[in-house]
Amino acid sequence: GRAGIVGGGWPQIKYESYMAAHLSELLSSNSESCFQLVIHSSATKHLLEYNPKLGLNVFTASHPQNKKDWDELVAQDDPLMGGGKMMKNYPMKIVKLLESVNPATKETMTLPSSPIRASFRSAA
């Protein structure tokens, strides 16, 4: 299983949750370089493959969670809508990333010591 402890003594789920929150914050910054880091990071792809719910949360955490919030959303404030500094082709880049994901199966769910940590460092 994947319930092991990663480097530094964190349980795998805690580390993945932290990584997803951090990537989501980067994405929400409306910074071109942060978007590029998130979209090209092997840590993002790894989360999408091994923990799809957390991986998708990277892209949806800053979005409205109910009808009232959606009604109040201003498109220019949404980094995925192309508002502000964000380019209009960002949603397609995210779709291409999602299409490239090979979800882990039960057979591939065993994890080396800390692939997310290593992959995130290499993307920085």
C-alpha atoms as a PDB file:
ATOM      1  CA  GLY A   1       0.000   0.000   0.000  1.00  0.00           C
ATOM      2  CA  ARG A   2       0.877   3.669   0.004  1.00  0.00           C
ATOM      3  CA  ALA A   3       0.297   4.430   3.659  1.00  0.00           C
ATOM      4  CA  GLY A   4       4.007   4.602   4.457  1.00  0.00           C
ATOM      5  CA  ILE A   5       6.088   7.332   5.973  1.00  0.00           C
ATOM      6  CA  VAL A   6       8.014   9.592   3.573  1.00  0.00           C
ATOM      7  CA  GLY A   7      11.313  11.293   4.292  1.00  0.00           C
ATOM      8  CA  GLY A   8      11.118  13.614   7.283  1.00  0.00           C
ATOM      9  CA  GLY A   9       8.644  11.374   9.089  1.00  0.00           C
ATOM     10  CA  TRP A  10       5.438  12.624   7.470  1.00  0.00           C
ATOM     11  CA  PRO A  11       2.720  10.111   6.626  1.00  0.00           C
ATOM     12  CA  GLN A  12       2.263   9.873   2.845  1.00  0.00           C
ATOM     13  CA  ILE A  13      -1.234  11.407   2.890  1.00  0.00           C
ATOM     14  CA  LYS A  14      -0.072  14.404   4.948  1.00  0.00           C
ATOM     15  CA  TYR A  15       2.790  15.059   2.548  1.00  0.00           C
ATOM     16  CA  GLU A  16       0.544  14.705  -0.511  1.00  0.00           C
ATOM     17  CA  SER A  17      -2.051  17.020   1.065  1.00  0.00           C
ATOM     18  CA  TYR A  18       0.621  19.614   1.784  1.00  0.00           C
ATOM     19  CA  MET A  19       1.981  19.322  -1.754  1.00  0.00           C
ATOM     20  CA  ALA A  20      -1.496  19.697  -3.291  1.00  0.00           C
ATOM     21  CA  ALA A  21      -2.216  22.789  -1.182  1.00  0.00           C
ATOM     22  CA  HIS A  22       1.134  24.321  -2.094  1.00  0.00           C
ATOM     23  CA  LEU A  23       0.691  23.668  -5.826  1.00  0.00           C
ATOM     24  CA  SER A  24      -2.828  25.101  -5.653  1.00  0.00           C
ATOM     25  CA  GLU A  25      -1.531  28.273  -3.998  1.00  0.00           C
ATOM     26  CA  LEU A  26       1.093  28.628  -6.708  1.00  0.00           C
ATOM     27  CA  LEU A  27      -1.556  28.214  -9.392  1.00  0.00           C
ATOM     28  CA  SER A  28      -3.789  30.810  -7.737  1.00  0.00           C
ATOM     29  CA  SER A  29      -1.035  33.433  -7.675  1.00  0.00           C
ATOM     30  CA  ASN A  30      -1.766  34.585 -11.253  1.00  0.00           C
ATOM     31  CA  SER A  31       1.946  34.344 -11.983  1.00  0.00           C
ATOM     32  CA  GLU A  32       3.099  32.988 -15.327  1.00  0.00           C
ATOM     33  CA  SER A  33       6.169  31.354 -13.791  1.00  0.00           C
ATOM     34  CA  CYS A  34       4.120  29.735 -11.015  1.00  0.00           C
ATOM     35  CA  PHE A  35       1.612  28.391 -13.546  1.00  0.00           C
ATOM     36  CA  GLN A  36       4.462  26.942 -15.614  1.00  0.00           C
ATOM     37  CA  LEU A  37       5.982  25.347 -12.518  1.00  0.00           C
ATOM     38  CA  VAL A  38       2.689  23.709 -11.539  1.00  0.00           C
ATOM     39  CA  ILE A  39       1.776  22.516 -15.035  1.00  0.00           C
ATOM     40  CA  HIS A  40       5.253  21.107 -15.788  1.00  0.00           C
ATOM     41  CA  SER A  41       6.096  19.751 -12.341  1.00  0.00           C
ATOM     42  CA  SER A  42       6.360  16.004 -12.096  1.00  0.00           C
ATOM     43  CA  ALA A  43       4.933  16.437  -8.572  1.00  0.00           C
ATOM     44  CA  THR A  44       1.644  17.622 -10.097  1.00  0.00           C
ATOM     45  CA  LYS A  45       1.529  14.671 -12.467  1.00  0.00           C
ATOM     46  CA  HIS A  46       2.450  12.281  -9.679  1.00  0.00           C
ATOM     47  CA  LEU A  47      -0.414  13.563  -7.515  1.00  0.00           C
ATOM     48  CA  LEU A  48      -2.832  13.161 -10.414  1.00  0.00           C
ATOM     49  CA  GLU A  49      -1.653   9.582 -10.972  1.00  0.00           C
ATOM     50  CA  TYR A  50      -1.427   8.331  -7.387  1.00  0.00           C
ATOM     51  CA  ASN A  51      -4.033  10.459  -5.620  1.00  0.00           C
ATOM     52  CA  PRO A  52      -6.403  11.819  -8.282  1.00  0.00           C
ATOM     53  CA  LYS A  53      -8.694  13.557  -5.789  1.00  0.00           C
ATOM     54  CA  LEU A  54      -5.825  15.596  -4.341  1.00  0.00           C
ATOM     55  CA  GLY A  55      -4.294  16.080  -7.785  1.00  0.00           C
ATOM     56  CA  LEU A  56      -7.503  17.538  -9.182  1.00  0.00           C
ATOM     57  CA  ASN A  57      -7.843  19.644  -6.053  1.00  0.00           C
ATOM     58  CA  VAL A  58      -4.741  21.544  -7.190  1.00  0.00           C
ATOM     59  CA  PHE A  59      -6.865  22.972 -10.021  1.00  0.00           C
ATOM     60  CA  THR A  60     -10.210  23.286  -8.239  1.00  0.00           C
ATOM     61  CA  ALA A  61      -9.448  24.346  -4.650  1.00  0.00           C
ATOM     62  CA  SER A  62      -9.660  28.061  -5.411  1.00  0.00           C
ATOM     63  CA  HIS A  63     -12.915  27.700  -7.309  1.00  0.00           C
ATOM     64  CA  PRO A  64     -16.388  28.324  -5.939  1.00  0.00           C
ATOM     65  CA  GLN A  65     -17.846  25.462  -3.965  1.00  0.00           C
ATOM     66  CA  ASN A  66     -21.556  26.328  -4.266  1.00  0.00           C
ATOM     67  CA  LYS A  67     -24.069  28.130  -6.505  1.00  0.00           C
ATOM     68  CA  LYS A  68     -23.863  31.434  -4.611  1.00  0.00           C
ATOM     69  CA  ASP A  69     -20.069  31.520  -4.964  1.00  0.00           C
ATOM     70  CA  TRP A  70     -20.298  30.685  -8.693  1.00  0.00           C
ATOM     71  CA  ASP A  71     -22.839  33.479  -9.199  1.00  0.00           C
ATOM     72  CA  GLU A  72     -20.463  35.950  -7.524  1.00  0.00           C
ATOM     73  CA  LEU A  73     -17.377  34.835  -9.456  1.00  0.00           C
ATOM     74  CA  VAL A  74     -15.707  37.511 -11.553  1.00  0.00           C
ATOM     75  CA  ALA A  75     -13.983  35.833 -14.510  1.00  0.00           C
ATOM     76  CA  GLN A  76     -10.879  38.012 -14.290  1.00  0.00           C
ATOM     77  CA  ASP A  77     -10.287  36.712 -10.745  1.00  0.00           C
ATOM     78  CA  ASP A  78     -10.261  33.088 -11.897  1.00  0.00           C
ATOM     79  CA  PRO A  79      -6.770  32.005 -12.966  1.00  0.00           C
ATOM     80  CA  LEU A  80      -8.210  29.256 -15.150  1.00  0.00           C
ATOM     81  CA  MET A  81     -10.595  31.560 -17.030  1.00  0.00           C
ATOM     82  CA  GLY A  82      -7.832  33.627 -18.587  1.00  0.00           C
ATOM     83  CA  GLY A  83      -8.517  36.725 -16.541  1.00  0.00           C
ATOM     84  CA  GLY A  84      -5.916  39.155 -15.312  1.00  0.00           C
ATOM     85  CA  LYS A  85      -2.410  38.187 -16.356  1.00  0.00           C
ATOM     86  CA  MET A  86      -3.347  34.628 -17.237  1.00  0.00           C
ATOM     87  CA  MET A  87      -3.359  33.561 -20.868  1.00  0.00           C
ATOM     88  CA  LYS A  88      -6.496  32.191 -22.454  1.00  0.00           C
ATOM     89  CA  ASN A  89      -4.867  28.900 -23.464  1.00  0.00           C
ATOM     90  CA  TYR A  90      -4.183  27.845 -19.857  1.00  0.00           C
ATOM     91  CA  PRO A  91      -7.306  25.689 -19.613  1.00  0.00           C
ATOM     92  CA  MET A  92      -6.163  23.703 -22.677  1.00  0.00           C
ATOM     93  CA  LYS A  93      -2.713  23.228 -21.151  1.00  0.00           C
ATOM     94  CA  ILE A  94      -4.391  21.781 -18.075  1.00  0.00           C
ATOM     95  CA  VAL A  95      -6.564  19.517 -20.238  1.00  0.00           C
ATOM     96  CA  LYS A  96      -3.435  18.271 -22.037  1.00  0.00           C
ATOM     97  CA  LEU A  97      -1.781  17.553 -18.700  1.00  0.00           C
ATOM     98  CA  LEU A  98      -4.836  15.624 -17.542  1.00  0.00           C
ATOM     99  CA  GLU A  99      -4.897  13.659 -20.789  1.00  0.00           C
ATOM    100  CA  SER A 100      -1.249  12.675 -20.280  1.00  0.00           C
ATOM    101  CA  VAL A 101      -1.873  11.142 -16.858  1.00  0.00           C
ATOM    102  CA  ASN A 102      -1.622   7.367 -16.473  1.00  0.00           C
ATOM    103  CA  PRO A 103      -3.612   6.610 -13.309  1.00  0.00           C
ATOM    104  CA  ALA A 104      -1.927   4.232 -10.919  1.00  0.00           C
ATOM    105  CA  THR A 105      -3.421   0.776 -10.546  1.00  0.00           C
ATOM    106  CA  LYS A 106      -3.422  -1.398  -7.448  1.00  0.00           C
ATOM    107  CA  GLU A 107      -0.324  -3.096  -8.817  1.00  0.00           C
ATOM    108  CA  THR A 108       1.554   0.208  -9.198  1.00  0.00           C
ATOM    109  CA  MET A 109       0.370   1.813  -5.963  1.00  0.00           C
ATOM    110  CA  THR A 110       3.467   0.826  -3.996  1.00  0.00           C
ATOM    111  CA  LEU A 111       5.643   3.850  -3.718  1.00  0.00           C
ATOM    112  CA  PRO A 112       9.378   4.341  -3.528  1.00  0.00           C
ATOM    113  CA  SER A 113      10.557   6.323  -0.515  1.00  0.00           C
ATOM    114  CA  SER A 114       9.501   9.804  -1.661  1.00  0.00           C
ATOM    115  CA  PRO A 115       8.890  10.345  -5.383  1.00  0.00           C
ATOM    116  CA  ILE A 116       6.883  13.529  -4.938  1.00  0.00           C
ATOM    117  CA  ARG A 117       9.592  15.209  -2.912  1.00  0.00           C
ATOM    118  CA  ALA A 118      12.265  14.242  -5.442  1.00  0.00           C
ATOM    119  CA  SER A 119      10.154  15.214  -8.439  1.00  0.00           C
ATOM    120  CA  PHE A 120       9.124  18.557  -6.952  1.00  0.00           C
ATOM    121  CA  ARG A 121      12.730  19.474  -6.241  1.00  0.00           C
ATOM    122  CA  SER A 122      13.735  18.613  -9.793  1.00  0.00           C
ATOM    123  CA  ALA A 123      10.987  20.870 -11.188  1.00  0.00           C
ATOM    124  CA  ALA A 124      12.037  23.911  -9.182  1.00  0.00           C
END
